[in-house]
Full PDB file with SEQRES, HELIX, SHEET, SSBOND, CRYST1, ORIGX, SCALE, CONECT and MASTER records, all heavy atoms in Angstrom:
SEQRES   1 A   37  GLY LEU ARG LEU ILE GLU ALA GLY ALA THR ALA VAL VAL          
SEQRES   2 A   37  ALA GLY SER ASP LEU MET ALA LEU GLY VAL LEU ALA ALA          
SEQRES   3 A   37  ALA ARG GLN ALA GLY LEU PRO VAL PRO GLY GLY                  
HELIX    1 AA1 LEU A    2  GLU A    6  1                                   5    
HELIX    2 AA2 ASP A   17  GLN A   29  1                                  13    
CRYST1    1.000    1.000    1.000  90.00  90.00  90.00 P 1           1          
ORIGX1      1.000000  0.000000  0.000000        0.00000                         
ORIGX2      0.000000  1.000000  0.000000        0.00000                         
ORIGX3      0.000000  0.000000  1.000000        0.00000                         
SCALE1      1.000000  0.000000  0.000000        0.00000                         
SCALE2      0.000000  1.000000  0.000000        0.00000                         
SCALE3      0.000000  0.000000  1.000000        0.00000                         
ATOM      1  N   GLY A   1       0.817  -1.205   0.001  1.00  0.00           N  
ATOM      2  CA  GLY A   1       0.003  -0.002   0.007  1.00  0.00           C  
ATOM      3  C   GLY A   1       0.853   1.270   0.000  1.00  0.00           C  
ATOM      4  O   GLY A   1       0.563   2.205  -0.749  1.00  0.00           O  
ATOM      5  N   LEU A   2       1.897   1.282   0.816  1.00  0.00           N  
ATOM      6  CA  LEU A   2       2.781   2.443   0.862  1.00  0.00           C  
ATOM      7  C   LEU A   2       3.455   2.679  -0.495  1.00  0.00           C  
ATOM      8  O   LEU A   2       3.575   3.816  -0.958  1.00  0.00           O  
ATOM      9  CB  LEU A   2       3.833   2.266   1.951  1.00  0.00           C  
ATOM     10  CG  LEU A   2       3.327   2.295   3.395  1.00  0.00           C  
ATOM     11  CD1 LEU A   2       4.477   2.011   4.371  1.00  0.00           C  
ATOM     12  CD2 LEU A   2       2.699   3.656   3.719  1.00  0.00           C  
ATOM     13  N   ARG A   3       3.899   1.597  -1.124  1.00  0.00           N  
ATOM     14  CA  ARG A   3       4.555   1.715  -2.431  1.00  0.00           C  
ATOM     15  C   ARG A   3       3.602   2.250  -3.486  1.00  0.00           C  
ATOM     16  O   ARG A   3       3.960   3.112  -4.305  1.00  0.00           O  
ATOM     17  CB  ARG A   3       5.116   0.367  -2.870  1.00  0.00           C  
ATOM     18  CG  ARG A   3       6.352  -0.068  -2.101  1.00  0.00           C  
ATOM     19  CD  ARG A   3       6.670  -1.536  -2.333  1.00  0.00           C  
ATOM     20  NE  ARG A   3       6.784  -1.882  -3.749  1.00  0.00           N  
ATOM     21  CZ  ARG A   3       6.819  -3.132  -4.196  1.00  0.00           C  
ATOM     22  NH1 ARG A   3       6.732  -4.150  -3.338  1.00  0.00           N  
ATOM     23  NH2 ARG A   3       6.927  -3.358  -5.501  1.00  0.00           N  
ATOM     24  N   LEU A   4       2.375   1.762  -3.474  1.00  0.00           N  
ATOM     25  CA  LEU A   4       1.412   2.180  -4.494  1.00  0.00           C  
ATOM     26  C   LEU A   4       0.930   3.611  -4.263  1.00  0.00           C  
ATOM     27  O   LEU A   4       0.698   4.355  -5.224  1.00  0.00           O  
ATOM     28  CB  LEU A   4       0.226   1.205  -4.501  1.00  0.00           C  
ATOM     29  CG  LEU A   4       0.580  -0.223  -4.956  1.00  0.00           C  
ATOM     30  CD1 LEU A   4      -0.578  -1.174  -4.715  1.00  0.00           C  
ATOM     31  CD2 LEU A   4       0.978  -0.217  -6.435  1.00  0.00           C  
ATOM     32  N   ILE A   5       0.798   4.002  -3.008  1.00  0.00           N  
ATOM     33  CA  ILE A   5       0.446   5.390  -2.704  1.00  0.00           C  
ATOM     34  C   ILE A   5       1.540   6.331  -3.206  1.00  0.00           C  
ATOM     35  O   ILE A   5       1.275   7.367  -3.821  1.00  0.00           O  
ATOM     36  CB  ILE A   5       0.209   5.567  -1.198  1.00  0.00           C  
ATOM     37  CG1 ILE A   5      -1.088   4.850  -0.778  1.00  0.00           C  
ATOM     38  CG2 ILE A   5       0.147   7.044  -0.820  1.00  0.00           C  
ATOM     39  CD1 ILE A   5      -1.275   4.745   0.727  1.00  0.00           C  
ATOM     40  N   GLU A   6       2.790   5.938  -2.965  1.00  0.00           N  
ATOM     41  CA  GLU A   6       3.928   6.745  -3.442  1.00  0.00           C  
ATOM     42  C   GLU A   6       3.937   6.834  -4.968  1.00  0.00           C  
ATOM     43  O   GLU A   6       4.362   7.848  -5.555  1.00  0.00           O  
ATOM     44  CB  GLU A   6       5.234   6.139  -2.932  1.00  0.00           C  
ATOM     45  CG  GLU A   6       6.462   6.979  -3.257  1.00  0.00           C  
ATOM     46  CD  GLU A   6       7.731   6.385  -2.674  1.00  0.00           C  
ATOM     47  OE1 GLU A   6       7.646   5.375  -1.947  1.00  0.00           O  
ATOM     48  OE2 GLU A   6       8.820   6.940  -2.958  1.00  0.00           O  
ATOM     49  N   ALA A   7       3.450   5.764  -5.644  1.00  0.00           N  
ATOM     50  CA  ALA A   7       3.410   5.757  -7.107  1.00  0.00           C  
ATOM     51  C   ALA A   7       2.234   6.539  -7.661  1.00  0.00           C  
ATOM     52  O   ALA A   7       2.062   6.607  -8.886  1.00  0.00           O  
ATOM     53  CB  ALA A   7       3.365   4.322  -7.606  1.00  0.00           C  
ATOM     54  N   GLY A   8       1.407   7.089  -6.783  1.00  0.00           N  
ATOM     55  CA  GLY A   8       0.297   7.927  -7.233  1.00  0.00           C  
ATOM     56  C   GLY A   8      -1.017   7.210  -7.425  1.00  0.00           C  
ATOM     57  O   GLY A   8      -1.919   7.740  -8.101  1.00  0.00           O  
ATOM     58  N   ALA A   9      -1.160   6.011  -6.862  1.00  0.00           N  
ATOM     59  CA  ALA A   9      -2.423   5.295  -6.994  1.00  0.00           C  
ATOM     60  C   ALA A   9      -3.517   6.012  -6.207  1.00  0.00           C  
ATOM     61  O   ALA A   9      -3.284   6.468  -5.081  1.00  0.00           O  
ATOM     62  CB  ALA A   9      -2.273   3.865  -6.482  1.00  0.00           C  
ATOM     63  N   THR A  10      -4.686   6.129  -6.802  1.00  0.00           N  
ATOM     64  CA  THR A  10      -5.840   6.650  -6.085  1.00  0.00           C  
ATOM     65  C   THR A  10      -6.763   5.526  -5.631  1.00  0.00           C  
ATOM     66  O   THR A  10      -7.720   5.756  -4.897  1.00  0.00           O  
ATOM     67  CB  THR A  10      -6.649   7.620  -6.967  1.00  0.00           C  
ATOM     68  OG1 THR A  10      -7.156   6.894  -8.107  1.00  0.00           O  
ATOM     69  CG2 THR A  10      -5.783   8.767  -7.443  1.00  0.00           C  
ATOM     70  N   ALA A  11      -6.452   4.294  -6.079  1.00  0.00           N  
ATOM     71  CA  ALA A  11      -7.233   3.116  -5.699  1.00  0.00           C  
ATOM     72  C   ALA A  11      -6.315   1.895  -5.750  1.00  0.00           C  
ATOM     73  O   ALA A  11      -5.384   1.853  -6.563  1.00  0.00           O  
ATOM     74  CB  ALA A  11      -8.433   2.917  -6.625  1.00  0.00           C  
ATOM     75  N   VAL A  12      -6.604   0.921  -4.902  1.00  0.00           N  
ATOM     76  CA  VAL A  12      -5.769  -0.298  -4.829  1.00  0.00           C  
ATOM     77  C   VAL A  12      -6.658  -1.517  -4.772  1.00  0.00           C  
ATOM     78  O   VAL A  12      -7.616  -1.579  -3.979  1.00  0.00           O  
ATOM     79  CB  VAL A  12      -4.844  -0.275  -3.586  1.00  0.00           C  
ATOM     80  CG1 VAL A  12      -4.117  -1.625  -3.439  1.00  0.00           C  
ATOM     81  CG2 VAL A  12      -3.827   0.859  -3.685  1.00  0.00           C  
ATOM     82  N   VAL A  13      -6.349  -2.503  -5.621  1.00  0.00           N  
ATOM     83  CA  VAL A  13      -6.972  -3.825  -5.564  1.00  0.00           C  
ATOM     84  C   VAL A  13      -5.999  -4.734  -4.819  1.00  0.00           C  
ATOM     85  O   VAL A  13      -4.844  -4.874  -5.246  1.00  0.00           O  
ATOM     86  CB  VAL A  13      -7.235  -4.379  -6.966  1.00  0.00           C  
ATOM     87  CG1 VAL A  13      -7.857  -5.776  -6.878  1.00  0.00           C  
ATOM     88  CG2 VAL A  13      -8.145  -3.443  -7.751  1.00  0.00           C  
ATOM     89  N   ALA A  14      -6.434  -5.340  -3.735  1.00  0.00           N  
ATOM     90  CA  ALA A  14      -5.561  -6.206  -2.940  1.00  0.00           C  
ATOM     91  C   ALA A  14      -5.870  -7.675  -3.228  1.00  0.00           C  
ATOM     92  O   ALA A  14      -7.007  -8.025  -3.563  1.00  0.00           O  
ATOM     93  CB  ALA A  14      -5.715  -5.915  -1.458  1.00  0.00           C  
ATOM     94  N   GLY A  15      -4.865  -8.531  -3.025  1.00  0.00           N  
ATOM     95  CA  GLY A  15      -5.018  -9.943  -3.319  1.00  0.00           C  
ATOM     96  C   GLY A  15      -5.804 -10.727  -2.301  1.00  0.00           C  
ATOM     97  O   GLY A  15      -6.159 -11.893  -2.533  1.00  0.00           O  
ATOM     98  N   SER A  16      -6.102 -10.129  -1.157  1.00  0.00           N  
ATOM     99  CA  SER A  16      -6.916 -10.782  -0.127  1.00  0.00           C  
ATOM    100  C   SER A  16      -7.477  -9.702   0.778  1.00  0.00           C  
ATOM    101  O   SER A  16      -7.003  -8.566   0.795  1.00  0.00           O  
ATOM    102  CB  SER A  16      -6.090 -11.788   0.692  1.00  0.00           C  
ATOM    103  OG  SER A  16      -5.168 -11.115   1.524  1.00  0.00           O  
ATOM    104  N   ASP A  17      -8.479 -10.064   1.563  1.00  0.00           N  
ATOM    105  CA  ASP A  17      -9.028  -9.115   2.536  1.00  0.00           C  
ATOM    106  C   ASP A  17      -7.976  -8.740   3.579  1.00  0.00           C  
ATOM    107  O   ASP A  17      -7.901  -7.605   4.041  1.00  0.00           O  
ATOM    108  CB  ASP A  17     -10.244  -9.704   3.233  1.00  0.00           C  
ATOM    109  CG  ASP A  17     -11.459  -9.813   2.317  1.00  0.00           C  
ATOM    110  OD1 ASP A  17     -11.453  -9.162   1.252  1.00  0.00           O  
ATOM    111  OD2 ASP A  17     -12.391 -10.573   2.662  1.00  0.00           O  
ATOM    112  N   LEU A  18      -7.158  -9.712   3.985  1.00  0.00           N  
ATOM    113  CA  LEU A  18      -6.109  -9.450   4.960  1.00  0.00           C  
ATOM    114  C   LEU A  18      -5.125  -8.423   4.424  1.00  0.00           C  
ATOM    115  O   LEU A  18      -4.721  -7.489   5.131  1.00  0.00           O  
ATOM    116  CB  LEU A  18      -5.394 -10.767   5.304  1.00  0.00           C  
ATOM    117  CG  LEU A  18      -4.536 -10.783   6.568  1.00  0.00           C  
ATOM    118  CD1 LEU A  18      -5.383 -10.500   7.802  1.00  0.00           C  
ATOM    119  CD2 LEU A  18      -3.841 -12.142   6.706  1.00  0.00           C  
ATOM    120  N   MET A  19      -4.719  -8.581   3.169  1.00  0.00           N  
ATOM    121  CA  MET A  19      -3.843  -7.599   2.545  1.00  0.00           C  
ATOM    122  C   MET A  19      -4.521  -6.235   2.461  1.00  0.00           C  
ATOM    123  O   MET A  19      -3.881  -5.193   2.662  1.00  0.00           O  
ATOM    124  CB  MET A  19      -3.443  -8.063   1.147  1.00  0.00           C  
ATOM    125  CG  MET A  19      -2.555  -9.280   1.118  1.00  0.00           C  
ATOM    126  SD  MET A  19      -2.299  -9.870  -0.569  1.00  0.00           S  
ATOM    127  CE  MET A  19      -1.269  -8.563  -1.221  1.00  0.00           C  
ATOM    128  N   ALA A  20      -5.820  -6.224   2.175  1.00  0.00           N  
ATOM    129  CA  ALA A  20      -6.548  -4.966   2.067  1.00  0.00           C  
ATOM    130  C   ALA A  20      -6.553  -4.215   3.382  1.00  0.00           C  
ATOM    131  O   ALA A  20      -6.451  -2.973   3.408  1.00  0.00           O  
ATOM    132  CB  ALA A  20      -7.990  -5.220   1.606  1.00  0.00           C  
ATOM    133  N   LEU A  21      -6.613  -4.936   4.509  1.00  0.00           N  
ATOM    134  CA  LEU A  21      -6.529  -4.267   5.810  1.00  0.00           C  
ATOM    135  C   LEU A  21      -5.168  -3.593   5.969  1.00  0.00           C  
ATOM    136  O   LEU A  21      -5.055  -2.515   6.560  1.00  0.00           O  
ATOM    137  CB  LEU A  21      -6.755  -5.282   6.939  1.00  0.00           C  
ATOM    138  CG  LEU A  21      -8.147  -5.901   7.036  1.00  0.00           C  
ATOM    139  CD1 LEU A  21      -8.241  -6.776   8.288  1.00  0.00           C  
ATOM    140  CD2 LEU A  21      -9.234  -4.834   7.066  1.00  0.00           C  
ATOM    141  N   GLY A  22      -4.120  -4.259   5.452  1.00  0.00           N  
ATOM    142  CA  GLY A  22      -2.797  -3.637   5.475  1.00  0.00           C  
ATOM    143  C   GLY A  22      -2.753  -2.374   4.619  1.00  0.00           C  
ATOM    144  O   GLY A  22      -2.116  -1.391   4.987  1.00  0.00           O  
ATOM    145  N   VAL A  23      -3.433  -2.386   3.469  1.00  0.00           N  
ATOM    146  CA  VAL A  23      -3.502  -1.191   2.624  1.00  0.00           C  
ATOM    147  C   VAL A  23      -4.257  -0.072   3.338  1.00  0.00           C  
ATOM    148  O   VAL A  23      -3.868   1.106   3.262  1.00  0.00           O  
ATOM    149  CB  VAL A  23      -4.182  -1.521   1.276  1.00  0.00           C  
ATOM    150  CG1 VAL A  23      -4.337  -0.251   0.426  1.00  0.00           C  
ATOM    151  CG2 VAL A  23      -3.374  -2.561   0.511  1.00  0.00           C  
ATOM    152  N   LEU A  24      -5.319  -0.401   4.070  1.00  0.00           N  
ATOM    153  CA  LEU A  24      -6.044   0.599   4.855  1.00  0.00           C  
ATOM    154  C   LEU A  24      -5.120   1.236   5.881  1.00  0.00           C  
ATOM    155  O   LEU A  24      -5.144   2.460   6.095  1.00  0.00           O  
ATOM    156  CB  LEU A  24      -7.248  -0.032   5.549  1.00  0.00           C  
ATOM    157  CG  LEU A  24      -8.421  -0.513   4.676  1.00  0.00           C  
ATOM    158  CD1 LEU A  24      -9.498  -1.154   5.545  1.00  0.00           C  
ATOM    159  CD2 LEU A  24      -9.001   0.658   3.877  1.00  0.00           C  
ATOM    160  N   ALA A  25      -4.272   0.422   6.509  1.00  0.00           N  
ATOM    161  CA  ALA A  25      -3.328   0.944   7.494  1.00  0.00           C  
ATOM    162  C   ALA A  25      -2.312   1.867   6.817  1.00  0.00           C  
ATOM    163  O   ALA A  25      -1.909   2.894   7.386  1.00  0.00           O  
ATOM    164  CB  ALA A  25      -2.607  -0.213   8.205  1.00  0.00           C  
ATOM    165  N   ALA A  26      -1.878   1.513   5.595  1.00  0.00           N  
ATOM    166  CA  ALA A  26      -0.955   2.360   4.844  1.00  0.00           C  
ATOM    167  C   ALA A  26      -1.597   3.705   4.535  1.00  0.00           C  
ATOM    168  O   ALA A  26      -0.941   4.754   4.584  1.00  0.00           O  
ATOM    169  CB  ALA A  26      -0.516   1.647   3.577  1.00  0.00           C  
ATOM    170  N   ALA A  27      -2.875   3.687   4.169  1.00  0.00           N  
ATOM    171  CA  ALA A  27      -3.584   4.932   3.879  1.00  0.00           C  
ATOM    172  C   ALA A  27      -3.635   5.836   5.110  1.00  0.00           C  
ATOM    173  O   ALA A  27      -3.403   7.059   5.030  1.00  0.00           O  
ATOM    174  CB  ALA A  27      -4.983   4.640   3.374  1.00  0.00           C  
ATOM    175  N   ARG A  28      -3.924   5.246   6.264  1.00  0.00           N  
ATOM    176  CA  ARG A  28      -3.954   6.030   7.502  1.00  0.00           C  
ATOM    177  C   ARG A  28      -2.569   6.622   7.784  1.00  0.00           C  
ATOM    178  O   ARG A  28      -2.467   7.775   8.183  1.00  0.00           O  
ATOM    179  CB  ARG A  28      -4.415   5.158   8.671  1.00  0.00           C  
ATOM    180  CG  ARG A  28      -5.913   4.862   8.672  1.00  0.00           C  
ATOM    181  CD  ARG A  28      -6.378   4.267   9.978  1.00  0.00           C  
ATOM    182  NE  ARG A  28      -5.811   2.942  10.199  1.00  0.00           N  
ATOM    183  CZ  ARG A  28      -6.362   1.813   9.810  1.00  0.00           C  
ATOM    184  NH1 ARG A  28      -7.513   1.849   9.145  1.00  0.00           N  
ATOM    185  NH2 ARG A  28      -5.799   0.652  10.061  1.00  0.00           N  
ATOM    186  N   GLN A  29      -1.531   5.807   7.590  1.00  0.00           N  
ATOM    187  CA  GLN A  29      -0.171   6.287   7.828  1.00  0.00           C  
ATOM    188  C   GLN A  29       0.181   7.446   6.912  1.00  0.00           C  
ATOM    189  O   GLN A  29       0.877   8.369   7.288  1.00  0.00           O  
ATOM    190  CB  GLN A  29       0.823   5.144   7.624  1.00  0.00           C  
ATOM    191  CG  GLN A  29       2.267   5.531   7.901  1.00  0.00           C  
ATOM    192  CD  GLN A  29       3.211   4.326   7.780  1.00  0.00           C  
ATOM    193  OE1 GLN A  29       2.811   3.191   8.056  1.00  0.00           O  
ATOM    194  NE2 GLN A  29       4.442   4.578   7.368  1.00  0.00           N  
ATOM    195  N   ALA A  30      -0.327   7.390   5.663  1.00  0.00           N  
ATOM    196  CA  ALA A  30      -0.055   8.452   4.702  1.00  0.00           C  
ATOM    197  C   ALA A  30      -0.995   9.646   4.839  1.00  0.00           C  
ATOM    198  O   ALA A  30      -0.872  10.618   4.104  1.00  0.00           O  
ATOM    199  CB  ALA A  30      -0.141   7.885   3.288  1.00  0.00           C  
ATOM    200  N   GLY A  31      -1.923   9.561   5.796  1.00  0.00           N  
ATOM    201  CA  GLY A  31      -2.866  10.659   6.009  1.00  0.00           C  
ATOM    202  C   GLY A  31      -3.946  10.745   4.958  1.00  0.00           C  
ATOM    203  O   GLY A  31      -4.526  11.818   4.741  1.00  0.00           O  
ATOM    204  N   LEU A  32      -4.253   9.624   4.312  1.00  0.00           N  
ATOM    205  CA  LEU A  32      -5.273   9.612   3.268  1.00  0.00           C  
ATOM    206  C   LEU A  32      -6.567   9.019   3.795  1.00  0.00           C  
ATOM    207  O   LEU A  32      -6.572   7.888   4.301  1.00  0.00           O  
ATOM    208  CB  LEU A  32      -4.798   8.773   2.078  1.00  0.00           C  
ATOM    209  CG  LEU A  32      -3.592   9.284   1.294  1.00  0.00           C  
ATOM    210  CD1 LEU A  32      -3.204   8.277   0.223  1.00  0.00           C  
ATOM    211  CD2 LEU A  32      -3.891  10.640   0.662  1.00  0.00           C  
ATOM    212  N   PRO A  33      -7.670   9.744   3.706  1.00  0.00           N  
ATOM    213  CA  PRO A  33      -8.957   9.149   4.114  1.00  0.00           C  
ATOM    214  C   PRO A  33      -9.385   8.098   3.083  1.00  0.00           C  
ATOM    215  O   PRO A  33      -9.035   8.161   1.906  1.00  0.00           O  
ATOM    216  CB  PRO A  33      -9.915  10.328   4.103  1.00  0.00           C  
ATOM    217  CG  PRO A  33      -9.329  11.286   3.107  1.00  0.00           C  
ATOM    218  CD  PRO A  33      -7.829  11.127   3.200  1.00  0.00           C  
ATOM    219  N   VAL A  34     -10.133   7.120   3.575  1.00  0.00           N  
ATOM    220  CA  VAL A  34     -10.683   6.070   2.705  1.00  0.00           C  
ATOM    221  C   VAL A  34     -12.198   6.176   2.780  1.00  0.00           C  
ATOM    222  O   VAL A  34     -12.780   6.137   3.859  1.00  0.00           O  
ATOM    223  CB  VAL A  34     -10.225   4.672   3.176  1.00  0.00           C  
ATOM    224  CG1 VAL A  34     -10.876   3.576   2.335  1.00  0.00           C  
ATOM    225  CG2 VAL A  34      -8.700   4.543   3.095  1.00  0.00           C  
ATOM    226  N   PRO A  35     -12.852   6.390   1.619  1.00  0.00           N  
ATOM    227  CA  PRO A  35     -12.321   6.313   0.248  1.00  0.00           C  
ATOM    228  C   PRO A  35     -11.930   7.652  -0.369  1.00  0.00           C  
ATOM    229  O   PRO A  35     -11.531   7.676  -1.534  1.00  0.00           O  
ATOM    230  CB  PRO A  35     -13.494   5.720  -0.518  1.00  0.00           C  
ATOM    231  CG  PRO A  35     -14.694   6.329   0.137  1.00  0.00           C  
ATOM    232  CD  PRO A  35     -14.352   6.430   1.609  1.00  0.00           C  
ATOM    233  N   GLY A  36     -12.053   8.776   0.367  1.00  0.00           N  
ATOM    234  CA  GLY A  36     -11.806  10.076  -0.234  1.00  0.00           C  
ATOM    235  C   GLY A  36     -10.414  10.265  -0.796  1.00  0.00           C  
ATOM    236  O   GLY A  36     -10.229  10.865  -1.846  1.00  0.00           O  
ATOM    237  N   GLY A  37      -9.400   9.693  -0.097  1.00  0.00           N  
ATOM    238  CA  GLY A  37      -8.041   9.820  -0.573  1.00  0.00           C  
ATOM    239  C   GLY A  37      -7.521   8.582  -1.251  1.00  0.00           C  
ATOM    240  O   GLY A  37      -6.626   8.641  -2.100  1.00  0.00           O  
TER     241      GLY A  37                                                      
MASTER        0    0    0    2    0    0    0    6  240    1    0    3          
END                                                                             
């Protein structure tokens, strides 16, 4: 999630729900609201 946010992704498809929770944590770390950011 951190790598994709840095690459300018506005949306991420994760390979599992568990991975998606990790992407949500990355968004919070980057200060991005979900789904607004």
